[in-house]
PDB file of N, CA and C in Angstrom:
ATOM      1  N   UNK A   1       0.909  -0.889   0.155  1.00  0.00           N
ATOM      2  CA  UNK A   1      -0.046  -0.121  -0.058  1.00  0.00           C
ATOM      3  C   UNK A   1       0.927   1.332  -0.050  1.00  0.00           C
ATOM      4  N   UNK A   2       0.574   1.990  -1.006  1.00  0.00           N
ATOM      5  CA  UNK A   2       1.596   3.342  -1.007  1.00  0.00           C
ATOM      6  C   UNK A   2       1.051   4.321  -0.136  1.00  0.00           C
ATOM      7  N   UNK A   3       1.589   5.564   0.258  1.00  0.00           N
ATOM      8  CA  UNK A   3       1.251   6.544   1.168  1.00  0.00           C
ATOM      9  C   UNK A   3       0.007   7.267   0.745  1.00  0.00           C
ATOM     10  N   UNK A   4      -0.363   7.402  -0.530  1.00  0.00           N
ATOM     11  CA  UNK A   4      -1.150   8.045  -1.034  1.00  0.00           C
ATOM     12  C   UNK A   4      -2.624   7.523  -0.832  1.00  0.00           C
ATOM     13  N   UNK A   5      -2.475   6.032  -0.516  1.00  0.00           N
ATOM     14  CA  UNK A   5      -3.972   5.263  -0.180  1.00  0.00           C
ATOM     15  C   UNK A   5      -3.885   4.894   1.213  1.00  0.00           C
ATOM     16  N   UNK A   6      -2.963   5.235   2.077  1.00  0.00           N
ATOM     17  CA  UNK A   6      -2.992   4.977   3.459  1.00  0.00           C
ATOM     18  C   UNK A   6      -3.955   5.631   4.262  1.00  0.00           C
ATOM     19  N   UNK A   7      -4.559   4.764   5.068  1.00  0.00           N
ATOM     20  CA  UNK A   7      -5.735   5.222   5.856  1.00  0.00           C
ATOM     21  C   UNK A   7      -5.298   5.856   7.200  1.00  0.00           C
ATOM     22  N   UNK A   8      -3.808   6.342   7.413  1.00  0.00           N
ATOM     23  CA  UNK A   8      -3.238   6.706   8.227  1.00  0.00           C
ATOM     24  C   UNK A   8      -2.934   8.143   8.072  1.00  0.00           C
ATOM     25  N   UNK A   9      -3.622   9.386   8.599  1.00  0.00           N
ATOM     26  CA  UNK A   9      -2.981  10.624   8.366  1.00  0.00           C
ATOM     27  C   UNK A   9      -1.689  11.014   9.106  1.00  0.00           C
ATOM     28  N   UNK A  10      -1.172  12.078   8.571  1.00  0.00           N
ATOM     29  CA  UNK A  10       0.086  12.566   9.411  1.00  0.00           C
ATOM     30  C   UNK A  10      -0.330  12.767  10.885  1.00  0.00           C
ATOM     31  N   UNK A  11      -1.159  13.249  11.278  1.00  0.00           N
ATOM     32  CA  UNK A  11      -1.535  13.630  12.601  1.00  0.00           C
ATOM     33  C   UNK A  11      -1.576  12.168  13.390  1.00  0.00           C
ATOM     34  N   UNK A  12      -2.424  11.290  12.807  1.00  0.00           N
ATOM     35  CA  UNK A  12      -2.575   9.959  13.230  1.00  0.00           C
ATOM     36  C   UNK A  12      -1.050   9.104  13.292  1.00  0.00           C
ATOM     37  N   UNK A  13      -0.259   9.434  12.312  1.00  0.00           N
ATOM     38  CA  UNK A  13       1.011   8.729  12.333  1.00  0.00           C
ATOM     39  C   UNK A  13       1.714   9.203  13.546  1.00  0.00           C
ATOM     40  N   UNK A  14       1.651  10.375  13.926  1.00  0.00           N
ATOM     41  CA  UNK A  14       2.490  11.035  15.197  1.00  0.00           C
ATOM     42  C   UNK A  14       1.776  10.391  16.392  1.00  0.00           C
ATOM     43  N   UNK A  15       0.605  10.395  16.536  1.00  0.00           N
ATOM     44  CA  UNK A  15      -0.193   9.734  17.627  1.00  0.00           C
ATOM     45  C   UNK A  15       0.267   8.185  17.861  1.00  0.00           C
ATOM     46  N   UNK A  16       0.105   7.476  16.670  1.00  0.00           N
ATOM     47  CA  UNK A  16       0.408   6.241  16.656  1.00  0.00           C
ATOM     48  C   UNK A  16       2.043   5.920  16.858  1.00  0.00           C
ATOM     49  N   UNK A  17       2.988   6.863  16.658  1.00  0.00           N
ATOM     50  CA  UNK A  17       4.520   6.706  17.084  1.00  0.00           C
ATOM     51  C   UNK A  17       4.460   6.792  18.826  1.00  0.00           C
ATOM     52  N   UNK A  18       3.711   7.929  19.099  1.00  0.00           N
ATOM     53  CA  UNK A  18       3.852   8.181  20.460  1.00  0.00           C
ATOM     54  C   UNK A  18       3.029   6.931  21.360  1.00  0.00           C
ATOM     55  N   UNK A  19       2.137   6.278  20.933  1.00  0.00           N
ATOM     56  CA  UNK A  19       1.391   5.037  21.532  1.00  0.00           C
ATOM     57  C   UNK A  19       2.664   4.156  21.467  1.00  0.00           C
ATOM     58  N   UNK A  20       3.030   3.771  20.260  1.00  0.00           N
ATOM     59  CA  UNK A  20       4.091   2.813  20.023  1.00  0.00           C
ATOM     60  C   UNK A  20       5.154   3.163  21.019  1.00  0.00           C
ATOM     61  N   UNK A  21       5.740   4.090  21.251  1.00  0.00           N
ATOM     62  CA  UNK A  21       6.698   4.535  22.477  1.00  0.00           C
ATOM     63  C   UNK A  21       6.248   4.112  23.816  1.00  0.00           C
ATOM     64  N   UNK A  22       4.945   4.689  24.008  1.00  0.00           N
ATOM     65  CA  UNK A  22       4.434   4.434  25.446  1.00  0.00           C
ATOM     66  C   UNK A  22       4.213   3.080  25.746  1.00  0.00           C
ATOM     67  N   UNK A  23       3.654   2.194  24.724  1.00  0.00           N
ATOM     68  CA  UNK A  23       3.291   0.849  24.881  1.00  0.00           C
ATOM     69  C   UNK A  23       4.440  -0.114  24.393  1.00  0.00           C
ATOM     70  N   UNK A  24       5.569   0.002  24.235  1.00  0.00           N
ATOM     71  CA  UNK A  24       6.361  -0.546  23.487  1.00  0.00           C
ATOM     72  C   UNK A  24       6.851  -1.928  24.013  1.00  0.00           C
ATOM     73  N   UNK A  25       6.604  -2.101  25.499  1.00  0.00           N
ATOM     74  CA  UNK A  25       6.821  -3.436  26.175  1.00  0.00           C
ATOM     75  C   UNK A  25       5.423  -4.111  26.196  1.00  0.00           C
ATOM     76  N   UNK A  26       4.489  -3.625  25.782  1.00  0.00           N
ATOM     77  CA  UNK A  26       3.017  -4.296  25.811  1.00  0.00           C
ATOM     78  C   UNK A  26       2.287  -4.016  24.606  1.00  0.00           C
ATOM     79  N   UNK A  27       2.649  -5.142  23.577  1.00  0.00           N
ATOM     80  CA  UNK A  27       2.106  -4.905  22.340  1.00  0.00           C
ATOM     81  C   UNK A  27       0.515  -5.198  22.418  1.00  0.00           C
ATOM     82  N   UNK A  28       0.049  -6.064  23.210  1.00  0.00           N
ATOM     83  CA  UNK A  28      -1.522  -6.171  23.252  1.00  0.00           C
ATOM     84  C   UNK A  28      -2.181  -4.916  23.794  1.00  0.00           C
ATOM     85  N   UNK A  29      -1.634  -4.192  24.450  1.00  0.00           N
ATOM     86  CA  UNK A  29      -2.294  -2.868  24.972  1.00  0.00           C
ATOM     87  C   UNK A  29      -2.235  -1.928  23.870  1.00  0.00           C
ATOM     88  N   UNK A  30      -1.081  -1.997  22.992  1.00  0.00           N
ATOM     89  CA  UNK A  30      -0.904  -1.060  21.800  1.00  0.00           C
ATOM     90  C   UNK A  30      -2.057  -1.320  20.829  1.00  0.00           C
ATOM     91  N   UNK A  31      -2.110  -2.730  20.556  1.00  0.00           N
ATOM     92  CA  UNK A  31      -3.204  -2.956  19.530  1.00  0.00           C
ATOM     93  C   UNK A  31      -4.722  -2.728  20.191  1.00  0.00           C
ATOM     94  N   UNK A  32      -4.892  -2.846  21.576  1.00  0.00           N
ATOM     95  CA  UNK A  32      -6.299  -2.585  22.100  1.00  0.00           C
ATOM     96  C   UNK A  32      -6.556  -0.999  21.673  1.00  0.00           C
ATOM     97  N   UNK A  33      -5.708  -0.149  22.063  1.00  0.00           N
ATOM     98  CA  UNK A  33      -5.706   1.206  21.822  1.00  0.00           C
ATOM     99  C   UNK A  33      -5.894   1.634  20.430  1.00  0.00           C
ATOM    100  N   UNK A  34      -5.202   1.060  19.342  1.00  0.00           N
ATOM    101  CA  UNK A  34      -5.387   1.275  17.971  1.00  0.00           C
ATOM    102  C   UNK A  34      -6.572   0.917  17.577  1.00  0.00           C
ATOM    103  N   UNK A  35      -7.112  -0.282  18.077  1.00  0.00           N
ATOM    104  CA  UNK A  35      -8.144  -1.099  17.619  1.00  0.00           C
ATOM    105  C   UNK A  35      -9.685   0.001  18.004  1.00  0.00           C
ATOM    106  N   UNK A  36      -9.529   0.710  19.005  1.00  0.00           N
ATOM    107  CA  UNK A  36     -10.597   1.785  19.274  1.00  0.00           C
ATOM    108  C   UNK A  36     -10.805   2.853  18.255  1.00  0.00           C
ATOM    109  N   UNK A  37      -9.864   3.103  17.436  1.00  0.00           N
ATOM    110  CA  UNK A  37      -9.699   4.193  16.306  1.00  0.00           C
ATOM    111  C   UNK A  37     -11.109   3.648  15.695  1.00  0.00           C
ATOM    112  N   UNK A  38     -11.861   4.559  15.227  1.00  0.00           N
ATOM    113  CA  UNK A  38     -13.212   4.409  14.638  1.00  0.00           C
ATOM    114  C   UNK A  38     -12.919   4.274  13.264  1.00  0.00           C
ATOM    115  N   UNK A  39     -13.222   3.118  12.882  1.00  0.00           N
ATOM    116  CA  UNK A  39     -12.926   2.809  11.178  1.00  0.00           C
ATOM    117  C   UNK A  39     -14.345   1.893  10.993  1.00  0.00           C
ATOM    118  N   UNK A  40     -15.131   2.112   9.993  1.00  0.00           N
ATOM    119  CA  UNK A  40     -16.468   1.586   9.933  1.00  0.00           C
ATOM    120  C   UNK A  40     -16.291   0.159   9.442  1.00  0.00           C
ATOM    121  N   UNK A  41     -15.423  -0.336   8.720  1.00  0.00           N
ATOM    122  CA  UNK A  41     -15.527  -1.729   8.188  1.00  0.00           C
ATOM    123  C   UNK A  41     -14.201  -2.594   8.383  1.00  0.00           C
ATOM    124  N   UNK A  42     -14.402  -3.911   8.895  1.00  0.00           N
ATOM    125  CA  UNK A  42     -13.381  -4.575   8.937  1.00  0.00           C
ATOM    126  C   UNK A  42     -12.270  -4.703   7.928  1.00  0.00           C
ATOM    127  N   UNK A  43     -12.558  -4.320   6.473  1.00  0.00           N
ATOM    128  CA  UNK A  43     -11.735  -4.222   5.649  1.00  0.00           C
ATOM    129  C   UNK A  43     -10.752  -3.095   5.759  1.00  0.00           C
ATOM    130  N   UNK A  44     -11.244  -1.805   6.240  1.00  0.00           N
ATOM    131  CA  UNK A  44     -10.855  -0.918   6.617  1.00  0.00           C
ATOM    132  C   UNK A  44      -9.815  -0.901   7.803  1.00  0.00           C
ATOM    133  N   UNK A  45     -10.137  -1.796   8.734  1.00  0.00           N
ATOM    134  CA  UNK A  45      -9.677  -1.946   9.878  1.00  0.00           C
ATOM    135  C   UNK A  45      -8.302  -2.848   9.283  1.00  0.00           C
ATOM    136  N   UNK A  46      -8.371  -3.824   8.195  1.00  0.00           N
ATOM    137  CA  UNK A  46      -7.304  -4.639   7.949  1.00  0.00           C
ATOM    138  C   UNK A  46      -6.409  -3.652   7.271  1.00  0.00           C
ATOM    139  N   UNK A  47      -6.709  -2.803   6.529  1.00  0.00           N
ATOM    140  CA  UNK A  47      -5.754  -1.797   5.891  1.00  0.00           C
ATOM    141  C   UNK A  47      -5.269  -0.663   6.928  1.00  0.00           C
ATOM    142  N   UNK A  48      -5.854  -0.444   8.245  1.00  0.00           N
ATOM    143  CA  UNK A  48      -5.479   0.422   9.149  1.00  0.00           C
ATOM    144  C   UNK A  48      -4.115  -0.248   9.673  1.00  0.00           C
ATOM    145  N   UNK A  49      -4.438  -1.454  10.079  1.00  0.00           N
ATOM    146  CA  UNK A  49      -3.376  -2.371  10.969  1.00  0.00           C
ATOM    147  C   UNK A  49      -2.208  -2.733   9.929  1.00  0.00           C
ATOM    148  N   UNK A  50      -2.506  -2.826   8.748  1.00  0.00           N
ATOM    149  CA  UNK A  50      -1.281  -3.281   7.866  1.00  0.00           C
ATOM    150  C   UNK A  50      -0.401  -1.972   7.639  1.00  0.00           C
ATOM    151  N   UNK A  51      -1.174  -0.827   7.421  1.00  0.00           N
ATOM    152  CA  UNK A  51      -0.506   0.588   7.255  1.00  0.00           C
ATOM    153  C   UNK A  51       0.249   0.926   8.599  1.00  0.00           C
ATOM    154  N   UNK A  52      -0.374   0.572   9.834  1.00  0.00           N
ATOM    155  CA  UNK A  52       0.410   0.919  10.902  1.00  0.00           C
ATOM    156  C   UNK A  52       1.631  -0.019  10.926  1.00  0.00           C
ATOM    157  N   UNK A  53       1.527  -1.241  10.760  1.00  0.00           N
ATOM    158  CA  UNK A  53       2.607  -2.084  10.777  1.00  0.00           C
ATOM    159  C   UNK A  53       3.707  -1.466   9.990  1.00  0.00           C
ATOM    160  N   UNK A  54       3.571  -1.318   8.705  1.00  0.00           N
ATOM    161  CA  UNK A  54       4.471  -0.486   7.676  1.00  0.00           C
ATOM    162  C   UNK A  54       5.151   0.593   8.254  1.00  0.00           C
ATOM    163  N   UNK A  55       4.342   1.463   8.691  1.00  0.00           N
ATOM    164  CA  UNK A  55       4.847   2.861   9.311  1.00  0.00           C
ATOM    165  C   UNK A  55       5.812   2.486  10.276  1.00  0.00           C
ATOM    166  N   UNK A  56       5.109   1.522  11.365  1.00  0.00           N
ATOM    167  CA  UNK A  56       6.206   1.267  12.525  1.00  0.00           C
ATOM    168  C   UNK A  56       7.628   0.635  12.023  1.00  0.00           C
ATOM    169  N   UNK A  57       7.379  -0.404  10.967  1.00  0.00           N
ATOM    170  CA  UNK A  57       8.642  -1.205  10.624  1.00  0.00           C
ATOM    171  C   UNK A  57       9.661  -0.094   9.890  1.00  0.00           C
ATOM    172  N   UNK A  58       8.977   0.790   9.177  1.00  0.00           N
ATOM    173  CA  UNK A  58       9.916   1.711   8.399  1.00  0.00           C
ATOM    174  C   UNK A  58      10.429   2.839   9.493  1.00  0.00           C
ATOM    175  N   UNK A  59       9.855   2.996  10.511  1.00  0.00           N
ATOM    176  CA  UNK A  59      10.238   4.376  11.435  1.00  0.00           C
ATOM    177  C   UNK A  59      11.570   4.004  12.081  1.00  0.00           C
ATOM    178  N   UNK A  60      11.433   2.927  13.005  1.00  0.00           N
ATOM    179  CA  UNK A  60      12.640   2.561  13.473  1.00  0.00           C
ATOM    180  C   UNK A  60      12.604   1.056  14.062  1.00  0.00           C
ATOM    181  N   UNK A  61      13.887   0.729  14.029  1.00  0.00           N
ATOM    182  CA  UNK A  61      14.036  -0.816  14.366  1.00  0.00           C
ATOM    183  C   UNK A  61      13.523  -1.268  15.797  1.00  0.00           C
ATOM    184  N   UNK A  62      13.151   0.058  16.763  1.00  0.00           N
ATOM    185  CA  UNK A  62      13.023  -0.564  17.765  1.00  0.00           C
ATOM    186  C   UNK A  62      11.548  -0.888  17.960  1.00  0.00           C
ATOM    187  N   UNK A  63      10.816  -0.696  16.922  1.00  0.00           N
ATOM    188  CA  UNK A  63       9.368  -0.845  16.721  1.00  0.00           C
ATOM    189  C   UNK A  63       8.907  -2.224  15.992  1.00  0.00           C
ATOM    190  N   UNK A  64       9.944  -3.114  15.699  1.00  0.00           N
ATOM    191  CA  UNK A  64       9.646  -4.230  14.858  1.00  0.00           C
ATOM    192  C   UNK A  64       8.748  -5.344  15.542  1.00  0.00           C
ATOM    193  N   UNK A  65       8.412  -5.281  16.823  1.00  0.00           N
ATOM    194  CA  UNK A  65       7.689  -6.123  17.525  1.00  0.00           C
ATOM    195  C   UNK A  65       6.360  -5.646  17.464  1.00  0.00           C
ATOM    196  N   UNK A  66       6.158  -4.318  17.279  1.00  0.00           N
ATOM    197  CA  UNK A  66       4.624  -3.516  17.526  1.00  0.00           C
ATOM    198  C   UNK A  66       4.367  -3.732  15.968  1.00  0.00           C
ATOM    199  N   UNK A  67       5.413  -3.396  14.963  1.00  0.00           N
ATOM    200  CA  UNK A  67       4.960  -3.860  13.523  1.00  0.00           C
ATOM    201  C   UNK A  67       4.333  -5.103  13.404  1.00  0.00           C
ATOM    202  N   UNK A  68       5.069  -6.116  13.921  1.00  0.00           N
ATOM    203  CA  UNK A  68       4.729  -7.612  13.695  1.00  0.00           C
ATOM    204  C   UNK A  68       3.317  -7.685  14.396  1.00  0.00           C
ATOM    205  N   UNK A  69       3.079  -7.135  15.465  1.00  0.00           N
ATOM    206  CA  UNK A  69       1.740  -7.249  16.135  1.00  0.00           C
ATOM    207  C   UNK A  69       0.602  -6.788  15.346  1.00  0.00           C
ATOM    208  N   UNK A  70       1.011  -5.548  14.680  1.00  0.00           N
ATOM    209  CA  UNK A  70       0.027  -5.092  13.805  1.00  0.00           C
ATOM    210  C   UNK A  70      -0.589  -5.881  12.620  1.00  0.00           C
ATOM    211  N   UNK A  71       0.647  -6.301  11.887  1.00  0.00           N
ATOM    212  CA  UNK A  71       0.214  -6.971  10.940  1.00  0.00           C
ATOM    213  C   UNK A  71      -0.238  -8.437  11.144  1.00  0.00           C
ATOM    214  N   UNK A  72       0.175  -9.089  12.353  1.00  0.00           N
ATOM    215  CA  UNK A  72      -0.630 -10.185  12.866  1.00  0.00           C
ATOM    216  C   UNK A  72      -2.153  -9.677  13.015  1.00  0.00           C
ATOM    217  N   UNK A  73      -2.365  -8.887  13.609  1.00  0.00           N
ATOM    218  CA  UNK A  73      -3.908  -8.403  14.042  1.00  0.00           C
ATOM    219  C   UNK A  73      -4.512  -8.042  12.735  1.00  0.00           C
ATOM    220  N   UNK A  74      -4.031  -7.454  11.497  1.00  0.00           N
ATOM    221  CA  UNK A  74      -4.808  -7.151  10.358  1.00  0.00           C
ATOM    222  C   UNK A  74      -5.291  -8.771   9.884  1.00  0.00           C
ATOM    223  N   UNK A  75      -4.484  -9.801  10.092  1.00  0.00           N
ATOM    224  CA  UNK A  75      -4.894 -11.257   9.605  1.00  0.00           C
ATOM    225  C   UNK A  75      -6.332 -11.454  10.155  1.00  0.00           C
ATOM    226  N   UNK A  76      -6.494 -10.916  11.297  1.00  0.00           N
ATOM    227  CA  UNK A  76      -7.980 -11.148  11.903  1.00  0.00           C
ATOM    228  C   UNK A  76      -9.061 -10.829  11.079  1.00  0.00           C
ATOM    229  N   UNK A  77      -8.635  -9.876  10.252  1.00  0.00           N
ATOM    230  CA  UNK A  77      -9.946  -9.087   9.433  1.00  0.00           C
ATOM    231  C   UNK A  77      -9.819  -9.818   8.292  1.00  0.00           C
ATOM    232  N   UNK A  78      -9.118 -10.848   7.761  1.00  0.00           N
ATOM    233  CA  UNK A  78      -9.059 -11.362   6.467  1.00  0.00           C
ATOM    234  C   UNK A  78     -10.109 -12.706   6.524  1.00  0.00           C
ATOM    235  N   UNK A  79     -11.021 -12.676   5.642  1.00  0.00           N
ATOM    236  CA  UNK A  79     -12.056 -13.840   5.440  1.00  0.00           C
ATOM    237  C   UNK A  79     -10.813 -15.009   5.087  1.00  0.00           C
ATOM    238  N   UNK A  80     -11.494 -16.430   5.123  1.00  0.00           N
ATOM    239  CA  UNK A  80     -10.379 -17.487   4.744  1.00  0.00           C
ATOM    240  C   UNK A  80     -10.442 -17.484   3.020  1.00  0.00           C
ATOM    241  N   UNK A  81     -11.545 -16.666   2.470  1.00  0.00           N
ATOM    242  CA  UNK A  81     -11.375 -16.686   0.920  1.00  0.00           C
ATOM    243  C   UNK A  81     -10.266 -15.929   0.616  1.00  0.00           C
ATOM    244  N   UNK A  82      -9.716 -14.901   1.463  1.00  0.00           N
ATOM    245  CA  UNK A  82      -8.827 -13.924   1.161  1.00  0.00           C
ATOM    246  C   UNK A  82      -7.262 -14.327   1.218  1.00  0.00           C
ATOM    247  N   UNK A  83      -7.199 -15.723   0.641  1.00  0.00           N
ATOM    248  CA  UNK A  83      -5.824 -16.199   0.659  1.00  0.00           C
ATOM    249  C   UNK A  83      -4.759 -15.387   0.080  1.00  0.00           C
ATOM    250  N   UNK A  84      -5.124 -14.726  -1.018  1.00  0.00           N
ATOM    251  CA  UNK A  84      -3.995 -13.888  -1.773  1.00  0.00           C
ATOM    252  C   UNK A  84      -3.439 -12.885  -0.863  1.00  0.00           C
ATOM    253  N   UNK A  85      -4.599 -12.007  -0.144  1.00  0.00           N
ATOM    254  CA  UNK A  85      -4.130 -11.007   0.756  1.00  0.00           C
ATOM    255  C   UNK A  85      -3.515 -11.411   2.068  1.00  0.00           C
ATOM    256  N   UNK A  86      -3.990 -12.722   2.384  1.00  0.00           N
ATOM    257  CA  UNK A  86      -3.103 -13.451   3.616  1.00  0.00           C
ATOM    258  C   UNK A  86      -1.695 -13.689   3.214  1.00  0.00           C
ATOM    259  N   UNK A  87      -1.600 -13.971   1.968  1.00  0.00           N
ATOM    260  CA  UNK A  87       0.075 -14.405   1.396  1.00  0.00           C
ATOM    261  C   UNK A  87       0.702 -13.202   1.225  1.00  0.00           C
ATOM    262  N   UNK A  88      -0.037 -12.186   0.933  1.00  0.00           N
ATOM    263  CA  UNK A  88       0.778 -10.799   0.775  1.00  0.00           C
ATOM    264  C   UNK A  88       1.280 -10.328   2.043  1.00  0.00           C
ATOM    265  N   UNK A  89       0.753 -10.433   3.018  1.00  0.00           N
ATOM    266  CA  UNK A  89       0.904 -10.004   4.520  1.00  0.00           C
ATOM    267  C   UNK A  89       1.966 -10.896   5.064  1.00  0.00           C
ATOM    268  N   UNK A  90       1.755 -12.285   4.934  1.00  0.00           N
ATOM    269  CA  UNK A  90       2.813 -13.126   5.371  1.00  0.00           C
ATOM    270  C   UNK A  90       4.365 -13.282   4.657  1.00  0.00           C
ATOM    271  N   UNK A  91       4.281 -12.675   3.386  1.00  0.00           N
ATOM    272  CA  UNK A  91       5.605 -12.701   2.815  1.00  0.00           C
ATOM    273  C   UNK A  91       6.565 -11.372   2.967  1.00  0.00           C
TER     274      UNK A  91
END
Protein backbone atom coordinates (compact mmCIF):
# COMPACT_ATOMS: atom_id res chain seq x y z
CA UNK A 1 0.00 0.00 0.00
CA UNK A 2 1.53 3.34 -0.94
CA UNK A 3 1.32 6.45 1.20
CA UNK A 4 -1.32 8.05 -1.04
CA UNK A 5 -3.83 5.34 -0.15
CA UNK A 6 -2.85 4.92 3.49
CA UNK A 7 -5.73 5.21 5.96
CA UNK A 8 -3.26 6.81 8.38
CA UNK A 9 -3.13 10.63 8.34
CA UNK A 10 -0.02 12.58 9.33
CA UNK A 11 -1.54 13.47 12.71
CA UNK A 12 -2.52 9.84 13.25
CA UNK A 13 1.05 8.76 12.38
CA UNK A 14 2.39 11.05 15.08
CA UNK A 15 -0.16 9.75 17.59
CA UNK A 16 0.58 6.12 16.69
CA UNK A 17 4.32 6.64 17.10
CA UNK A 18 3.69 8.17 20.53
CA UNK A 19 1.50 5.20 21.46
CA UNK A 20 4.14 2.79 20.19
CA UNK A 21 6.73 4.45 22.39
CA UNK A 22 4.41 4.45 25.39
CA UNK A 23 3.39 0.80 24.98
CA UNK A 24 6.50 -0.71 23.36
CA UNK A 25 6.76 -3.29 26.13
CA UNK A 26 3.08 -4.27 25.83
CA UNK A 27 2.01 -4.99 22.25
CA UNK A 28 -1.42 -6.25 23.35
CA UNK A 29 -2.23 -2.92 25.00
CA UNK A 30 -0.97 -1.07 21.89
CA UNK A 31 -3.26 -3.14 19.64
CA UNK A 32 -6.24 -2.55 21.96
CA UNK A 33 -5.70 1.21 21.86
CA UNK A 34 -5.38 1.24 18.05
CA UNK A 35 -8.44 -1.02 17.78
CA UNK A 36 -10.52 1.76 19.37
CA UNK A 37 -9.86 4.05 16.39
CA UNK A 38 -13.20 4.41 14.65
CA UNK A 39 -13.00 2.76 11.25
CA UNK A 40 -16.37 1.63 9.86
CA UNK A 41 -15.55 -1.69 8.20
CA UNK A 42 -13.40 -4.71 8.92
CA UNK A 43 -11.73 -4.24 5.53
CA UNK A 44 -10.71 -0.74 6.58
CA UNK A 45 -9.46 -2.09 9.92
CA UNK A 46 -7.31 -4.54 7.97
CA UNK A 47 -5.87 -1.68 5.95
CA UNK A 48 -5.36 0.39 9.10
CA UNK A 49 -3.37 -2.33 10.86
CA UNK A 50 -1.36 -3.10 7.72
CA UNK A 51 -0.50 0.59 7.41
CA UNK A 52 0.35 0.89 11.09
CA UNK A 53 2.65 -2.12 10.80
CA UNK A 54 4.36 -0.72 7.72
CA UNK A 55 4.77 2.70 9.30
CA UNK A 56 6.27 1.27 12.49
CA UNK A 57 8.58 -1.06 10.57
CA UNK A 58 9.91 1.80 8.44
CA UNK A 59 10.18 4.32 11.29
CA UNK A 60 12.53 2.58 13.73
CA UNK A 61 14.07 -0.79 14.44
CA UNK A 62 12.86 -0.45 18.02
CA UNK A 63 9.26 -0.91 16.81
CA UNK A 64 9.72 -4.24 14.99
CA UNK A 65 7.66 -6.14 17.60
CA UNK A 66 4.89 -3.55 17.33
CA UNK A 67 4.93 -3.76 13.54
CA UNK A 68 4.72 -7.55 13.66
CA UNK A 69 1.82 -7.41 16.15
CA UNK A 70 -0.01 -4.94 13.88
CA UNK A 71 0.41 -7.15 10.82
CA UNK A 72 -0.68 -10.21 12.77
CA UNK A 73 -3.75 -8.34 13.98
CA UNK A 74 -4.60 -7.36 10.40
CA UNK A 75 -4.87 -11.07 9.59
CA UNK A 76 -7.83 -11.24 11.98
CA UNK A 77 -9.85 -9.17 9.53
CA UNK A 78 -9.23 -11.37 6.53
CA UNK A 79 -11.82 -13.96 5.63
CA UNK A 80 -10.67 -17.44 4.68
CA UNK A 81 -11.34 -16.68 1.03
CA UNK A 82 -8.74 -13.89 1.11
CA UNK A 83 -5.83 -16.29 0.64
CA UNK A 84 -4.01 -13.94 -1.73
CA UNK A 85 -4.25 -11.02 0.71
CA UNK A 86 -3.15 -13.28 3.57
CA UNK A 87 -0.15 -14.44 1.52
CA UNK A 88 0.84 -10.82 0.82
CA UNK A 89 0.91 -10.08 4.53
CA UNK A 90 2.85 -13.20 5.44
CA UNK A 91 5.58 -12.69 2.83
